[in-house]
Amino acid sequence: MSSTLDRLVMMANQIGRFFTPQRGGDAVAGIADHLEKFWDPRMKENIVAHWRAGGAGLDGPVREAIGRLKEAKRGAPLEAGR
């Protein structure tokens, strides 16, 4: 992985660790909402491409949240990258 991609994975997992204990069963929605609202389109494009390629290093809830992003919904089924 490139250092930029490493950083995106680290940031996404940090967001996941923030939302998981606070939202209980709705953590995935919180993570997806945060990524959708606050991440630059290029960041989202890169993390979705990484998710489609298998998502190495992404925590489970983060992996699921990325599948809910608009970019992930275009083109590939939501099961991609799992």
Protein backbone atom coordinates (compact mmCIF):
# COMPACT_ATOMS: atom_id res chain seq x y z
CA MET A 1 0.00 0.00 0.00
CA SER A 2 1.11 3.55 -0.62
CA SER A 3 1.60 5.90 2.30
CA THR A 4 -1.49 7.88 1.19
CA LEU A 5 -3.60 4.74 1.16
CA ASP A 6 -2.14 3.64 4.49
CA ARG A 7 -3.19 7.00 5.91
CA LEU A 8 -6.73 6.67 4.52
CA VAL A 9 -7.10 3.17 5.98
CA MET A 10 -5.81 4.42 9.34
CA MET A 11 -8.19 7.40 9.32
CA ALA A 12 -11.18 5.26 8.30
CA ASN A 13 -10.43 2.76 11.08
CA GLN A 14 -10.11 5.60 13.61
CA ILE A 15 -13.54 6.86 12.58
CA GLY A 16 -14.84 3.32 12.94
CA ARG A 17 -13.39 2.98 16.42
CA PHE A 18 -15.08 6.26 17.40
CA PHE A 19 -18.53 5.28 16.14
CA THR A 20 -18.60 1.58 17.06
CA PRO A 21 -19.00 1.93 20.85
CA GLN A 22 -21.21 5.02 20.58
CA ARG A 23 -23.74 3.79 18.05
CA GLY A 24 -24.02 0.13 18.94
CA GLY A 25 -25.73 -1.62 16.04
CA ASP A 26 -25.90 1.60 14.00
CA ALA A 27 -22.13 2.16 13.90
CA VAL A 28 -21.89 1.31 10.20
CA ALA A 29 -24.43 4.00 9.32
CA GLY A 30 -22.54 6.55 11.42
CA ILE A 31 -19.23 5.68 9.77
CA ALA A 32 -20.73 5.84 6.27
CA ASP A 33 -22.43 9.15 7.04
CA HIS A 34 -19.19 10.65 8.34
CA LEU A 35 -17.19 9.51 5.32
CA GLU A 36 -19.88 10.77 2.94
CA LYS A 37 -20.13 14.19 4.59
CA PHE A 38 -16.55 14.97 5.52
CA TRP A 39 -14.19 13.13 3.20
CA ASP A 40 -13.00 14.80 0.03
CA PRO A 41 -14.30 13.09 -3.14
CA ARG A 42 -10.77 11.92 -4.00
CA MET A 43 -10.37 10.35 -0.57
CA LYS A 44 -13.67 8.51 -0.97
CA GLU A 45 -12.72 7.41 -4.47
CA ASN A 46 -9.40 6.02 -3.23
CA ILE A 47 -10.86 4.19 -0.23
CA VAL A 48 -13.66 2.71 -2.37
CA ALA A 49 -11.09 1.52 -4.93
CA HIS A 50 -9.11 -0.06 -2.08
CA TRP A 51 -12.32 -1.68 -0.75
CA ARG A 52 -13.08 -3.10 -4.20
CA ALA A 53 -9.55 -4.52 -4.34
CA GLY A 54 -10.13 -6.43 -1.11
CA GLY A 55 -9.83 -3.72 1.55
CA ALA A 56 -6.68 -4.95 3.28
CA GLY A 57 -6.35 -3.43 6.74
CA LEU A 58 -9.92 -2.14 7.01
CA ASP A 59 -11.84 -3.10 10.13
CA GLY A 60 -15.14 -4.94 9.61
CA PRO A 61 -17.57 -2.09 10.35
CA VAL A 62 -15.49 0.28 8.21
CA ARG A 63 -15.46 -2.19 5.35
CA GLU A 64 -19.25 -2.44 5.54
CA ALA A 65 -19.66 1.35 5.75
CA ILE A 66 -17.52 1.90 2.66
CA GLY A 67 -19.85 -0.45 0.80
CA ARG A 68 -22.68 1.94 1.60
CA LEU A 69 -21.01 5.00 0.08
CA LYS A 70 -22.49 6.36 -3.13
CA GLU A 71 -19.27 5.68 -5.03
CA ALA A 72 -19.30 2.03 -4.00
CA LYS A 73 -22.91 1.64 -5.04
CA ARG A 74 -22.07 2.72 -8.58
CA GLY A 75 -20.83 -0.12 -10.74
CA ALA A 76 -20.02 -2.91 -8.29
CA PRO A 77 -22.37 -4.91 -6.06
CA LEU A 78 -22.11 -4.20 -2.35
CA GLU A 79 -20.51 -7.59 -1.73
CA ALA A 80 -17.36 -6.50 -3.59
CA GLY A 81 -14.32 -6.18 -1.39
CA ARG A 82 -15.56 -8.47 1.35
